Each structure stands twice: as C-alpha cells, then as structure tokens.
Protein backbone atom coordinates (compact mmCIF):
# COMPACT_ATOMS: atom_id res chain seq x y z
CA MET A 1 -13.60 -26.89 -42.11
CA LEU A 2 -16.86 -25.19 -41.07
CA GLN A 3 -16.84 -21.42 -41.30
CA PRO A 4 -18.78 -19.31 -38.78
CA THR A 5 -21.94 -17.84 -40.26
CA TYR A 6 -22.91 -15.58 -37.36
CA SER A 7 -21.55 -14.14 -34.14
CA LEU A 8 -22.85 -14.87 -30.67
CA THR A 9 -23.89 -12.34 -28.05
CA TYR A 10 -24.92 -12.92 -24.47
CA ILE A 11 -27.18 -11.41 -21.83
CA LEU A 12 -26.00 -12.31 -18.32
CA SER A 13 -27.50 -11.51 -14.93
CA SER A 14 -26.19 -12.35 -11.48
CA SER A 15 -27.63 -12.26 -7.99
CA SER A 16 -26.30 -13.56 -4.68
CA GLY A 17 -27.86 -15.47 -1.83
CA GLN A 18 -28.93 -18.89 -0.65
CA VAL A 19 -29.88 -21.57 -3.18
CA THR A 20 -30.99 -25.17 -3.15
CA ALA A 21 -29.04 -27.56 -5.33
CA GLY A 22 -30.07 -30.92 -6.72
CA VAL A 23 -29.87 -33.34 -9.64
CA LEU A 24 -32.96 -33.70 -11.82
CA ARG A 25 -33.30 -37.24 -12.99
CA GLY A 26 -34.70 -38.42 -16.25
CA GLN A 27 -33.43 -39.11 -19.73
CA ARG A 28 -31.16 -36.09 -19.40
CA SER A 29 -30.04 -35.89 -15.79
CA ARG A 30 -28.73 -32.48 -14.89
CA PHE A 31 -27.54 -30.50 -11.92
CA GLN A 32 -29.70 -27.47 -11.18
CA LEU A 33 -30.06 -24.62 -8.67
CA PHE A 34 -33.40 -23.49 -7.23
CA GLY A 35 -34.70 -20.72 -5.00
CA ASP A 36 -35.44 -17.01 -4.81
CA THR A 37 -31.85 -16.05 -5.73
CA MET A 38 -32.06 -18.03 -8.97
CA ASN A 39 -35.50 -16.60 -9.77
CA THR A 40 -34.23 -13.07 -9.24
CA ALA A 41 -31.25 -13.59 -11.58
CA ALA A 42 -33.46 -15.22 -14.21
CA ARG A 43 -36.02 -12.41 -14.13
CA MET A 44 -33.32 -9.74 -14.24
CA GLU A 45 -32.29 -11.19 -17.57
CA SER A 46 -35.37 -9.71 -19.25
CA SER A 47 -34.06 -6.21 -18.49
CA GLY A 48 -30.52 -6.97 -19.60
CA GLU A 49 -28.71 -5.85 -22.73
CA PRO A 50 -26.60 -7.81 -25.23
CA SER A 51 -22.95 -8.32 -24.24
CA ARG A 52 -23.45 -6.83 -20.81
CA ILE A 53 -23.50 -8.34 -17.32
CA GLN A 54 -26.11 -7.06 -14.88
CA VAL A 55 -25.82 -7.69 -11.13
CA SER A 56 -28.29 -7.25 -8.29
CA GLN A 57 -28.07 -4.90 -5.31
CA VAL A 58 -27.00 -7.81 -3.09
CA THR A 59 -24.15 -8.76 -5.42
CA ALA A 60 -23.09 -5.11 -5.69
CA GLU A 61 -22.94 -4.80 -1.90
CA LEU A 62 -20.80 -7.95 -1.62
CA LEU A 63 -18.37 -6.60 -4.22
CA THR A 64 -18.22 -3.28 -2.37
CA ASP A 65 -17.54 -5.05 0.94
CA VAL A 66 -14.39 -6.66 -0.48
CA GLY A 67 -13.10 -3.44 -2.03
CA LEU A 68 -14.28 -4.04 -5.60
CA ALA A 69 -16.80 -1.23 -5.93
CA ARG A 70 -14.82 -0.07 -8.96
CA TRP A 71 -16.09 -3.11 -10.86
CA ILE A 72 -19.68 -1.90 -10.95
CA VAL A 73 -21.70 1.14 -12.03
CA PRO A 74 -25.39 1.68 -11.10
CA ARG A 75 -27.92 1.71 -13.90
CA SER A 76 -29.35 5.16 -14.42
CA THR A 77 -32.92 3.99 -13.77
CA LYS A 78 -34.37 1.25 -11.63
CA MET A 79 -35.48 -1.90 -13.43
CA PHE A 80 -38.88 -3.54 -13.08
CA VAL A 81 -38.35 -7.19 -12.24
CA LYS A 82 -41.32 -9.54 -12.38
CA GLY A 83 -42.30 -10.65 -8.92
CA LYS A 84 -39.92 -8.13 -7.31
CA GLY A 85 -41.09 -4.74 -8.49
CA GLU A 86 -38.56 -1.96 -9.00
CA MET A 87 -34.93 -2.93 -8.33
CA GLN A 88 -31.69 -1.00 -8.42
CA THR A 89 -29.30 -3.06 -10.51
CA TYR A 90 -25.74 -2.49 -11.68
CA TRP A 91 -23.64 -3.08 -14.76
CA LEU A 92 -20.32 -4.84 -14.48
CA ARG A 93 -17.83 -2.49 -16.07
CA LYS A 94 -16.50 -3.50 -19.44
CA ASN A 95 -12.80 -4.21 -19.97
CA GLU A 96 -11.99 -4.04 -16.25
CA ARG A 97 -9.37 -6.77 -16.65
CA SER A 98 -7.70 -4.88 -19.49
CA LEU A 99 -6.94 -1.98 -17.15
CA LYS A 100 -4.44 -4.10 -15.21
CA PRO A 101 -1.53 -5.99 -16.77
CA ASN A 102 -1.51 -9.68 -15.89
CA VAL A 103 1.39 -11.76 -14.67
CA ALA A 104 1.73 -13.76 -17.86
CA ASP A 105 1.90 -10.63 -20.02
CA LEU A 106 4.67 -9.09 -17.93
CA ALA A 107 6.51 -12.41 -17.67
CA SER A 108 6.67 -13.03 -21.38
CA GLY A 109 6.40 -9.78 -23.24
CA ILE A 110 7.20 -6.70 -21.22
CA SER A 111 10.26 -4.82 -22.31
CA THR A 112 12.73 -3.27 -19.92
CA LEU A 113 11.14 -0.06 -18.72
CA ASP A 114 12.82 3.24 -18.13
CA ASN A 115 13.72 3.01 -14.45
CA GLU A 116 14.35 6.73 -14.17
CA GLN A 117 10.90 7.51 -15.56
CA ALA A 118 9.30 4.98 -13.22
CA GLU A 119 10.97 6.54 -10.20
CA THR A 120 9.74 9.93 -11.40
CA ASP A 121 6.21 8.51 -11.49
CA ALA A 122 6.71 7.03 -8.03
CA SER A 123 7.92 10.27 -6.51
CA SER A 124 5.22 12.22 -8.40
CA GLU A 125 7.55 14.92 -9.65
CA THR A 126 5.89 15.14 -13.05
CA SER A 127 2.33 15.84 -14.08
CA GLU A 128 -0.21 13.06 -14.44
CA GLU A 129 -0.65 11.12 -17.63
CA GLY A 130 -3.95 11.01 -19.43
CA ASN A 131 -6.86 9.20 -17.86
CA ASN A 132 -7.51 6.57 -20.49
CA GLY A 133 -7.01 2.88 -19.73
CA ILE A 134 -3.89 2.47 -21.87
CA ASP A 135 -2.04 5.28 -20.08
CA LEU A 136 -3.00 3.82 -16.70
CA VAL A 137 -1.70 0.41 -17.73
CA LYS A 138 1.60 1.92 -18.88
CA LYS A 139 1.99 3.87 -15.64
CA THR A 140 1.17 0.77 -13.58
CA GLU A 141 3.71 -1.25 -15.56
CA ARG A 142 6.40 1.35 -14.98
CA LEU A 143 5.64 1.55 -11.27
CA VAL A 144 5.63 -2.23 -10.94
CA GLU A 145 8.99 -2.50 -12.67
CA TRP A 146 10.49 0.33 -10.63
CA ASN A 147 9.37 -1.25 -7.35
CA VAL A 148 10.73 -4.61 -8.51
CA GLU A 149 14.14 -3.11 -9.29
CA VAL A 150 14.30 -1.41 -5.89
CA LEU A 151 13.41 -4.63 -4.06
CA ILE A 152 15.81 -6.74 -6.15
CA ALA A 153 18.70 -4.43 -5.23
CA LEU A 154 17.83 -4.80 -1.53
CA LEU A 155 17.46 -8.59 -1.82
CA GLU A 156 20.90 -8.70 -3.41
CA GLN A 157 22.27 -6.91 -0.34
CA ILE A 158 20.59 -9.48 1.92
CA VAL A 159 22.01 -12.38 -0.07
CA GLY A 160 25.41 -10.65 -0.21
CA SER A 161 25.40 -10.34 3.58
CA ARG A 162 25.19 -14.16 3.68
CA ASN A 163 28.03 -14.51 1.18
CA ASP A 164 25.63 -15.52 -1.60
CA VAL A 165 24.05 -18.34 0.39
CA VAL A 166 20.40 -19.09 -0.51
CA ASN A 167 19.27 -22.50 0.72
CA HIS A 168 15.85 -24.11 0.56
CA ILE A 169 13.65 -23.11 3.49
CA GLN A 170 11.46 -26.20 3.72
CA SER A 171 12.65 -26.66 7.30
CA LEU A 172 11.04 -23.30 8.15
CA SER A 173 7.55 -24.27 6.95
CA SER A 174 6.34 -24.88 10.49
CA ALA A 175 7.83 -21.60 11.70
CA GLU A 176 6.19 -19.75 8.79
CA LYS A 177 2.78 -21.14 9.73
CA ASN A 178 3.33 -20.17 13.36
CA THR A 179 4.04 -16.52 12.56
CA VAL A 180 0.27 -16.01 12.52
CA ILE A 181 -1.47 -17.46 15.58
CA ASP A 182 -5.21 -18.12 15.60
CA GLY A 183 -7.06 -15.63 17.75
CA ARG A 184 -4.30 -13.02 17.62
CA THR A 185 -4.56 -9.94 15.46
CA VAL A 186 -1.73 -8.03 13.83
CA LEU A 187 -2.08 -5.34 16.50
CA ASP A 188 -1.54 -7.98 19.19
CA GLU A 189 1.92 -8.61 17.70
CA PHE A 190 3.12 -5.04 18.10
CA THR A 191 6.27 -4.68 20.22
CA PRO A 192 7.94 -1.44 21.39
CA VAL A 193 11.48 -2.75 20.82
CA ILE A 194 12.61 -4.92 17.90
CA PRO A 195 16.09 -6.45 18.34
CA LEU A 196 18.10 -5.71 15.22
CA LYS A 197 21.05 -7.74 14.07
CA ARG A 198 24.50 -6.32 14.75
CA PHE A 199 27.50 -6.78 12.44
CA ASP A 200 31.12 -6.11 13.30
CA PRO A 201 33.24 -4.21 10.71
CA GLU A 202 35.26 -7.29 9.77
CA GLU A 203 32.11 -9.22 8.96
CA LEU A 204 30.87 -6.38 6.81
CA GLU A 205 34.18 -6.21 4.96
CA ARG A 206 33.97 -9.93 4.17
CA ARG A 207 30.58 -9.59 2.54
CA GLN A 208 30.32 -10.25 -1.13
CA THR A 209 29.70 -6.99 -2.99
CA THR A 210 26.27 -6.71 -4.54
CA THR A 211 27.78 -6.34 -8.02
CA ASN A 212 28.64 -10.04 -7.84
CA VAL A 213 25.28 -11.16 -6.41
CA ASP A 214 22.41 -12.48 -8.53
CA ILE A 215 19.28 -13.71 -6.78
CA GLY A 216 18.35 -15.72 -9.87
CA LYS A 217 15.68 -15.62 -12.55
CA LYS A 218 13.16 -17.58 -10.49
CA ALA A 219 13.29 -15.21 -7.52
CA LYS A 220 13.16 -12.17 -9.81
CA GLN A 221 10.12 -13.49 -11.65
CA GLN A 222 8.38 -14.39 -8.41
CA LEU A 223 9.10 -10.91 -7.07
CA ARG A 224 7.69 -9.33 -10.23
CA ASN A 225 4.58 -11.49 -9.95
CA TYR A 226 4.18 -10.56 -6.30
CA VAL A 227 4.51 -6.81 -6.85
CA LEU A 228 2.07 -7.03 -9.74
CA ALA A 229 -0.41 -8.92 -7.57
CA ILE A 230 -0.01 -6.27 -4.86
CA SER A 231 -0.68 -3.53 -7.42
CA GLU A 232 -3.94 -5.26 -8.33
CA MET A 233 -4.97 -5.33 -4.67
CA TYR A 234 -5.05 -1.54 -4.62
CA PRO A 235 -8.51 -0.21 -5.53
CA ASP A 236 -8.87 2.77 -7.84
CA ASN A 237 -9.21 5.21 -4.96
CA ALA A 238 -8.37 8.81 -5.69
CA PHE A 239 -5.62 8.86 -3.03
CA HIS A 240 -5.04 5.46 -1.44
CA ASN A 241 -3.98 3.66 -4.61
CA PHE A 242 -0.90 1.92 -6.02
CA GLU A 243 0.63 5.20 -7.15
CA HIS A 244 0.46 6.44 -3.55
CA ALA A 245 2.10 3.22 -2.33
CA SER A 246 4.89 3.72 -4.87
CA HIS A 247 5.27 7.35 -3.83
CA VAL A 248 5.67 6.26 -0.20
CA THR A 249 8.16 3.59 -1.27
CA ALA A 250 10.22 6.18 -3.15
CA SER A 251 10.21 8.43 -0.08
CA VAL A 252 11.36 5.58 2.18
CA LYS A 253 14.15 4.78 -0.28
CA LYS A 254 15.20 8.42 -0.30
CA LEU A 255 15.29 8.71 3.49
CA LEU A 256 17.23 5.45 3.87
CA ALA A 257 19.77 6.74 1.36
CA ARG A 258 20.20 9.95 3.36
CA ILE A 259 20.83 8.43 6.74
CA VAL A 260 23.95 9.88 8.31
CA ASN A 261 26.39 8.67 10.91
CA THR A 262 25.36 9.29 14.52
CA ASP A 263 27.89 7.03 16.23
CA GLU A 264 30.86 9.22 17.19
CA ARG A 265 32.93 6.16 17.99
CA ASN A 266 33.05 5.27 14.29
CA GLY A 267 34.59 8.53 13.18
CA LEU A 268 32.92 8.13 9.78
CA ALA A 269 31.66 10.77 7.38
CA THR A 270 28.54 12.65 8.44
CA SER A 271 26.60 12.26 5.22
CA ILE A 272 26.16 9.96 2.28
CA PRO A 273 26.93 11.70 -1.03
CA THR A 274 25.31 9.07 -3.25
CA ASP A 275 21.74 7.81 -3.66
CA SER A 276 22.62 4.33 -2.42
CA VAL A 277 23.40 2.95 1.01
CA ASP A 278 26.87 1.50 1.57
CA LEU A 279 26.44 -0.99 4.39
CA VAL A 280 30.15 -1.24 5.10
CA ASP A 281 30.63 2.51 5.49
CA LEU A 282 27.53 2.72 7.65
CA ALA A 283 28.42 -0.16 9.97
CA GLY A 284 27.27 0.49 13.50
CA HIS A 285 25.58 3.83 12.95
CA SER A 286 21.94 4.88 12.69
CA TYR A 287 21.15 2.67 15.69
CA GLY A 288 21.70 -0.40 13.51
CA ILE A 289 19.13 0.46 10.84
CA THR A 290 21.60 0.42 7.96
CA SER A 291 23.89 -2.34 9.18
CA ASP A 292 21.25 -4.98 8.40
CA PRO A 293 19.97 -5.16 4.81
CA LEU A 294 16.95 -7.19 5.97
CA THR A 295 15.78 -4.17 7.96
CA GLN A 296 16.04 -1.90 4.92
CA PHE A 297 14.26 -4.37 2.65
CA THR A 298 11.45 -4.80 5.14
CA VAL A 299 10.82 -1.07 5.56
CA VAL A 300 10.62 -0.63 1.76
CA PHE A 301 8.46 -3.77 1.43
CA SER A 302 6.12 -2.44 4.14
CA ALA A 303 5.75 0.85 2.29
CA LEU A 304 4.66 -1.04 -0.80
CA ILE A 305 1.94 -3.07 0.96
CA HIS A 306 0.82 -0.62 3.65
CA ASP A 307 -2.46 0.42 1.99
CA ALA A 308 -3.27 -2.75 0.02
CA ASP A 309 -7.04 -3.13 -0.48
CA HIS A 310 -7.68 0.21 1.20
CA PRO A 311 -11.45 0.86 1.43
CA GLY A 312 -11.22 4.57 0.64
CA VAL A 313 -12.67 5.60 4.02
CA PRO A 314 -11.01 6.01 7.45
CA ASN A 315 -10.99 3.32 10.12
CA THR A 316 -13.57 5.21 12.19
CA GLN A 317 -16.06 4.84 9.33
CA LEU A 318 -15.36 1.12 8.99
CA VAL A 319 -16.03 0.69 12.70
CA LYS A 320 -19.20 2.77 12.47
CA GLU A 321 -20.43 0.66 9.56
CA ASN A 322 -19.64 -2.46 11.60
CA SER A 323 -17.93 -3.95 8.56
CA ARG A 324 -16.69 -7.52 8.56
CA TRP A 325 -13.09 -6.34 8.93
CA ALA A 326 -13.97 -3.97 11.78
CA LYS A 327 -15.52 -6.89 13.66
CA ILE A 328 -12.26 -8.79 13.32
CA TYR A 329 -9.71 -6.05 14.07
CA LYS A 330 -11.63 -3.48 16.19
CA LYS A 331 -9.02 -0.72 15.50
CA SER A 332 -6.32 0.02 12.90
CA VAL A 333 -8.67 -1.93 10.64
CA ALA A 334 -7.25 -1.03 7.22
CA GLU A 335 -3.63 -1.40 8.33
CA GLN A 336 -4.13 -4.82 9.91
CA LYS A 337 -6.05 -6.02 6.88
CA SER A 338 -3.23 -4.89 4.56
CA VAL A 339 -0.66 -6.84 6.58
CA ASP A 340 -2.78 -9.98 6.64
CA ILE A 341 -3.61 -10.14 2.94
CA ALA A 342 -0.07 -9.24 1.78
CA TRP A 343 1.50 -11.71 4.23
CA ASP A 344 -0.89 -14.54 3.33
CA MET A 345 -0.03 -14.12 -0.32
CA LEU A 346 3.73 -14.02 0.35
CA MET A 347 3.49 -17.27 2.33
CA SER A 348 1.96 -19.17 -0.62
CA ASP A 349 3.93 -21.76 -2.59
CA GLU A 350 4.23 -19.32 -5.51
CA TYR A 351 6.81 -17.22 -3.67
CA THR A 352 9.19 -19.67 -1.98
CA ALA A 353 12.22 -18.32 -3.89
CA ILE A 354 11.55 -14.77 -2.66
CA ARG A 355 11.19 -15.93 0.93
CA ALA A 356 14.45 -17.89 0.71
CA CYS A 357 16.21 -14.66 -0.27
CA ILE A 358 14.59 -12.69 2.56
CA TYR A 359 15.28 -15.10 5.41
CA GLN A 360 17.17 -18.32 6.03
CA THR A 361 16.62 -18.77 9.77
CA GLU A 362 13.76 -18.56 12.24
CA ASP A 363 15.39 -15.50 13.79
CA GLU A 364 15.41 -13.70 10.43
CA LEU A 365 11.80 -14.75 9.79
CA ARG A 366 10.67 -13.40 13.18
CA ARG A 367 12.55 -10.14 12.65
CA PHE A 368 11.06 -9.74 9.17
CA ARG A 369 7.52 -10.34 10.45
CA GLN A 370 7.91 -8.02 13.42
CA LEU A 371 9.31 -5.19 11.30
CA VAL A 372 6.43 -5.54 8.83
CA VAL A 373 3.87 -5.42 11.65
CA ASN A 374 5.37 -2.40 13.39
CA THR A 375 6.06 -0.47 10.21
CA VAL A 376 2.62 -0.84 8.64
CA LEU A 377 0.81 -0.19 11.94
CA ALA A 378 2.78 3.05 12.25
CA THR A 379 0.86 4.42 9.26
CA ASP A 380 -2.30 4.60 11.37
CA ILE A 381 -1.86 8.18 12.52
CA ALA A 382 -5.52 8.79 13.38
CA ASP A 383 -5.73 6.52 16.41
CA LYS A 384 -5.17 8.75 19.45
CA ASP A 385 -4.13 5.90 21.74
CA LEU A 386 -1.46 4.68 19.33
CA GLN A 387 -0.19 8.21 18.78
CA ALA A 388 0.08 8.80 22.53
CA LEU A 389 1.99 5.54 22.88
CA ARG A 390 4.43 6.54 20.13
CA LYS A 391 4.97 9.94 21.72
CA ALA A 392 5.82 8.31 25.06
CA ARG A 393 8.16 5.83 23.37
CA TRP A 394 9.91 8.64 21.47
CA GLU A 395 10.50 10.57 24.69
CA MET A 396 11.81 7.45 26.39
CA ALA A 397 14.14 6.62 23.50
CA PHE A 398 15.60 10.10 23.04
CA GLN A 399 15.72 11.44 26.57
CA ASN A 400 19.17 12.37 27.87
CA VAL A 401 20.95 9.21 28.92
CA ASP A 402 24.40 8.94 30.46
CA SER A 403 25.90 6.47 27.97
CA ILE A 404 28.94 5.86 30.22
CA SER A 405 26.77 4.51 33.04
CA GLU A 406 24.87 2.19 30.71
CA SER A 407 25.74 -1.49 30.67
CA LEU A 408 26.43 -3.07 27.28
CA ASP A 409 23.06 -4.86 27.34
CA ASP A 410 21.26 -1.62 28.21
CA SER A 411 23.12 0.17 25.43
CA VAL A 412 22.06 -2.42 22.83
CA GLU A 413 18.43 -2.33 23.99
CA SER A 414 18.52 1.47 23.94
CA GLU A 415 19.77 1.48 20.35
CA ASP A 416 17.12 -1.06 19.34
CA ARG A 417 14.44 1.08 20.97
CA LYS A 418 15.67 4.13 19.08
CA ALA A 419 15.90 2.20 15.81
CA THR A 420 12.36 0.85 16.22
CA ILE A 421 10.81 4.25 16.82
CA VAL A 422 12.92 5.94 14.12
CA ILE A 423 11.71 3.36 11.57
CA GLU A 424 8.11 4.09 12.55
CA HIS A 425 8.63 7.84 12.12
CA LEU A 426 10.44 7.25 8.83
CA ILE A 427 7.40 5.46 7.37
CA GLN A 428 5.07 8.11 8.81
CA ALA A 429 7.05 10.89 7.16
CA SER A 430 7.09 8.95 3.90
CA ASP A 431 3.33 8.35 4.09
CA VAL A 432 2.73 12.13 4.12
CA SER A 433 5.86 13.08 2.21
CA HIS A 434 3.81 15.08 -0.30
CA THR A 435 3.36 17.67 2.46
CA MET A 436 7.15 18.03 2.67
CA GLN A 437 7.88 18.30 -1.05
CA HIS A 438 7.43 20.94 -3.75
CA TRP A 439 4.17 22.89 -3.61
CA HIS A 440 2.84 21.43 -6.87
CA ILE A 441 3.32 17.89 -5.52
CA TYR A 442 1.56 18.75 -2.27
CA LYS A 443 -1.28 20.42 -4.16
CA LYS A 444 -1.72 17.43 -6.46
CA TRP A 445 -1.93 14.86 -3.65
CA ASN A 446 -4.04 17.14 -1.47
CA GLN A 447 -6.58 17.31 -4.28
CA LYS A 448 -6.54 13.54 -4.61
CA PHE A 449 -7.19 13.09 -0.89
CA PHE A 450 -9.98 15.68 -0.98
CA MET A 451 -11.61 13.87 -3.90
CA GLU A 452 -11.49 10.59 -2.01
CA CYS A 453 -13.01 12.08 1.14
CA TYR A 454 -15.64 14.08 -0.77
CA SER A 455 -16.60 11.02 -2.80
CA ALA A 456 -17.11 9.05 0.44
CA TYR A 457 -19.33 11.87 1.72
CA LYS A 458 -21.43 11.83 -1.45
CA GLN A 459 -21.81 8.06 -1.09
CA GLY A 460 -23.13 8.47 2.44
CA ARG A 461 -19.94 7.11 4.04
CA ALA A 462 -19.05 10.31 5.94
CA ASP A 463 -21.15 12.39 8.34
CA THR A 464 -19.94 15.84 7.33
CA ASP A 465 -19.05 17.59 4.10
CA PRO A 466 -15.20 17.69 4.13
CA SER A 467 -15.14 20.92 2.13
CA THR A 468 -16.56 22.85 5.08
CA ASN A 469 -13.47 22.27 7.26
CA TRP A 470 -10.79 21.28 4.74
CA TYR A 471 -9.04 24.66 4.82
CA LYS A 472 -8.66 24.87 8.60
CA GLY A 473 -8.08 21.13 8.83
CA GLU A 474 -5.01 21.29 6.59
CA ILE A 475 -3.54 24.13 8.66
CA GLY A 476 -4.05 22.08 11.80
CA PHE A 477 -2.54 19.03 10.11
CA PHE A 478 0.61 21.00 9.35
CA ASP A 479 0.78 22.60 12.80
CA TYR A 480 0.10 19.55 14.95
CA TYR A 481 1.42 16.66 12.87
CA VAL A 482 3.52 17.39 9.78
CA ILE A 483 5.83 20.11 11.13
CA PRO A 484 6.40 18.36 14.51
CA LEU A 485 7.13 15.14 12.57
CA ALA A 486 9.66 16.94 10.37
CA ARG A 487 11.32 18.34 13.49
CA LYS A 488 11.57 14.85 14.95
CA LEU A 489 13.41 13.70 11.84
CA GLY A 490 16.00 16.32 12.73
CA SER A 491 16.11 15.76 16.48
CA CYS A 492 16.76 12.02 16.21
CA GLY A 493 20.06 12.90 14.50
CA VAL A 494 19.80 10.20 11.84
CA PHE A 495 18.85 12.05 8.65
CA GLY A 496 21.21 15.03 8.68
CA VAL A 497 20.44 17.96 6.42
CA SER A 498 17.56 16.05 4.77
CA SER A 499 15.47 16.71 7.85
CA HIS A 500 15.95 20.46 7.35
CA GLU A 501 14.82 20.09 3.74
CA TYR A 502 11.63 18.31 4.83
CA LEU A 503 10.91 20.92 7.52
CA ASN A 504 11.49 23.83 5.15
CA TYR A 505 9.13 22.42 2.54
CA ALA A 506 6.47 21.67 5.15
CA MET A 507 6.55 25.23 6.48
CA ALA A 508 6.55 26.72 2.98
CA ASN A 509 3.57 24.57 1.93
CA ARG A 510 1.69 25.58 5.06
CA ASP A 511 2.20 29.25 4.26
CA GLU A 512 1.18 28.74 0.64
CA TRP A 513 -1.94 26.85 1.73
CA VAL A 514 -2.92 29.72 4.04
CA ARG A 515 -2.77 32.02 1.00
CA GLU A 516 -4.35 29.79 -1.65
CA GLY A 517 -6.21 27.04 0.20
CA GLU A 518 -9.72 28.48 0.16
CA ALA A 519 -9.59 29.11 -3.59
CA LEU A 520 -8.16 25.65 -4.19
CA ILE A 521 -11.05 24.00 -2.37
CA GLN A 522 -13.48 25.64 -4.77
CA HIS A 523 -11.32 24.36 -7.62
CA PHE A 524 -11.42 20.85 -6.10
CA LEU A 525 -15.23 20.97 -5.90
CA ALA A 526 -15.51 22.09 -9.53
CA LYS A 527 -13.20 19.27 -10.62
CA PHE A 528 -15.26 16.74 -8.67
CA LYS A 529 -18.48 17.86 -10.38
CA GLU A 530 -16.77 17.76 -13.77
CA HIS A 531 -15.40 14.29 -13.09
CA ASN A 532 -18.78 13.04 -11.86
CA ALA A 533 -20.55 14.39 -14.93
CA HIS A 534 -18.04 12.66 -17.17
CA LEU A 535 -18.60 9.32 -15.42
CA THR A 536 -22.37 9.73 -15.69
CA ALA A 537 -22.10 10.37 -19.41
CA HIS A 538 -19.67 7.48 -19.93
CA PRO A 539 -20.47 4.83 -17.28
CA ASP A 540 -18.42 2.08 -18.93
CA LEU A 541 -15.16 4.00 -18.94
CA PRO A 542 -12.54 3.10 -16.31
CA THR A 543 -12.69 5.05 -13.06
CA PRO A 544 -9.07 6.19 -12.88
CA ASN A 545 -9.55 8.68 -10.04
CA MET A 546 -6.19 10.14 -11.10
CA LEU A 547 -7.70 13.59 -11.24
CA GLU A 548 -5.79 16.38 -12.93
CA HIS A 549 -5.26 19.87 -11.59
C-alpha cells in the first residue's frame, strides 16, 4: 500500500457571471468554460492564499442577496488583478459548515438533550453562552431539540384527536400543489375570518389520551430534520436569528398554556393551573382556539418559521433597494418570503410523514395553510395599512354584541372572527415578548436589536443613525404599541391574569428605560465598536452576533 509522502493544499478563486461553454476536440477532448468571468476567476488566483477560497465582488453580492452575507468577509486591502486593476475581493469564511449541526449528525449521534435547559435558552432567562463556534452549536442543538419536543407533543394531540389515525396522504397531492397558486402572493391569501373546527364534549371525551399516542420514529426524525433545516435558514443576525424564533415559540407556548375559559355556558374553571393545555377541559372556550389541536400546532409552527431567512433590515429598506424579493411581494416582504420558503420545504417528499400527522383531509390542509399565512403576516407590525386593518377588525370582533339576538351561524362566525384576531395578537405579543418580561431579558434583546440596526446603518443599508433616536423611539414603542397590545391581551378575556403580568412588566420596563436608556445606548455603541474590532482582528472567526451585555 502506497503511503502519502506530502500533503496537498489548494488556492481557489470564484467569480460569477455569463460564460461560454464548449468541448475542445483533440487527442484529449475536454469540456471547458470561456469568457470574462472565467478570466477574472483565473487572474484572482494569483492573489489567493493556500487553503483559502477567494470570491469576487459579484459573487459576494449574490451571496448577500440570498441572505448568506455571513459566509464572506472582505479582504482588508484591494487586490490588483491583471487586466482588471484594483478589485475588492472576499474570503469565504473557514469552518462555516462546522458552526451548524447537520441532519446526519443529529440523526445518528445526538444524545437526549436537557429539555428544561433548552426551554430556558428559548425563553432567554439565562445569560448568553460564550461566542465560540462550539458553544453556538451546542445552543443550536438544544434549541432544535426543544422545538422538536414541543411540536411532537402537539402532533400527538392532533393524532389523538383522530383516535390515532394516520393514513397516507397521496390522495391530497393535488390539493397540496394547489395551496399555492401561480400569480398569487402570500398576502393575497390573507382572510379576516378563519373557520375553526368545533368539537362537542362527547367527541373530546372519546379522544385517545396523548400518553397512548406515538407519531412514530419516521415522523419524529422528519420533524427533527425539518426543524434543523429551518434553524439553518436563519442568518446570524444579531436579533432576527434562530434563538429569537425559539424565544417567540416559547412565548406562544406559554400564552397557549395560560388561556382561560371565557364561555360562561361551560361553567368550567377560570384558569389552567398546569403548563399544558387540556383540550377536554377547554372544550368550547377561548373562541375555539384550544378545542382544535391543529390550531395550536400551527400557531407554534408559525412562530418557529416566522423570520426564516430574515435579511436583517426592515421591509422598507428591501423595497428601497428594489431587491428581488421586494419586486415579487411589494409589501410584507420578509414575512411572505419566510412563509414561502418554509412551506416549499415542508411540501417536499422528505416530510410526507409530518404532513400526514398534521392533516388528513383537504379541509385540514386548507385550515393549516390559512392559519400559517395569517399568523406569520401578523408579525409585520410596521406596515401602517395592515395595522389599521387589524385595529378595525379588533373593534368589530370585540364590540358589544347582543348574543341573544345572534343566530347560531352569526355566533359561530363571530367566534371565528374573535379567534382569528386573538391568534394574530398572540403572535404579535410573543414576537415582542422580551418587552413584557424581566428587565434583564428586555435589555439583552434590546441590545441585540440595536446592534442589528446599527450594523445595517454602518453597511449603508439605513438612512439615519439609529442611536440618535433610539431612546425616544423605545419610549414611543412602549406607549403606542407594547402597552396597548398588553392591554388588548386583557380585554379579549382569553388570557386571564397572564395579561396583567405582561402589562405590569411592560410598564416597569418602560419606566426603567426612561431612567437608564440613554446610558445603555452609549454602552451599546461601545460594545459594537469592541465587537467590530474583534472581527477585524480575527476575520475567519464565526460571526455569532450573540453579543453579551
């Protein structure tokens, strides 16, 4: 057996653009590419370094356009390229793949993770871990596993509601394809009232308890693969990242668990003492939200995907830049994109077992799709037209209505209208739940959001320096959005004393920000400069953006 006598290194360069392809004939026929793009890549090679991959400005811009700016780092000086002059080129970051666990690794070797610790990470009630790649991988693994366990429990409730029936859904393949119609955007699918399924008490009593339900190894593995793939769709933004998605998911789970009975005709208890939702006890209340496990699963699922592939800048900036996605969606750009990419992946052949657990009929498929659309779109709180529409729908749903004079059909539609708008406000509250939690949690996530906005400004993707108005802006955010939202959680009558808890924290955080906010902004700026200097000194290190206090 031959033994290696030396090791190999490589110098790779990449550029992007049009090429001409052809086969060169002769004794050694070969396929070859020609053109300016090939010449550029070849000439860049002379300025490369061993075991590093250099990419051109054009390639860097394409990677940035699809949310992969984290893959590259600009070279500190421009390179002289023969025939081109000075060029700004970029290094592909080393070990980028090692920062994310892959499906095969989790499938074969991951041990059972501490679910309690993962939920703590998700709800951000502990300090951050270190910023090295290994710690980030461990945190991602824990968050993936925690999200998987939450979704499995909800899928078991769905399957239990069908008395453990999970049939093949090949007959729904045409209906699945028709959920997305060419020429229609996600926003076009929005509807003000989603009909929820109603269950009578006897039907609920006949359900198989979830302790006896097992969705099977195949569905569990597919779900784990899907959540892992979703985690990898989240860029390493300072704020809009997978940890944020998990934090929102944990908040949704908490609010669902704290729903109380609002239907006086049931005569049930007014609160839920445990951290789980008992569908039988909650039959008929909360405007139908908790009587259907598919609704609960979908709201949690939507929280997980709602910021997938987030660009790290607001929709207004995407429209201003006339990005490819802005041309397609026009408004609610990031939210619509998240729905489309997460849905397209779920509809692939890799996840048929998951889909069979979620829905068995066209009606369930339509309801699932509609709830995903409405719930994710609700997280666009910056669009004034959408906010005005939600305000009008809230007033219509919760105005004083003489229930005795309502017909049965009107009563059902009224409950569906209330349920639809409550779900949208539930996800909105969860999306900004850090503002309604302990001060140290609010401060941590506020810093993350500042870092993301300030970074966009430094990159030329924002018109004004956010630090100049951050202090007053946060006060206005509390006064005109967060505190009114917390009050709505109370006025809808669904969440009981939990709504008071959210309101109290929001008001306390506002007062604390008034006292400490200006000093904190200076601290944020110092941390940004420190972080930037560290990245400049170590360009090949991962860009965790999980900045410490």
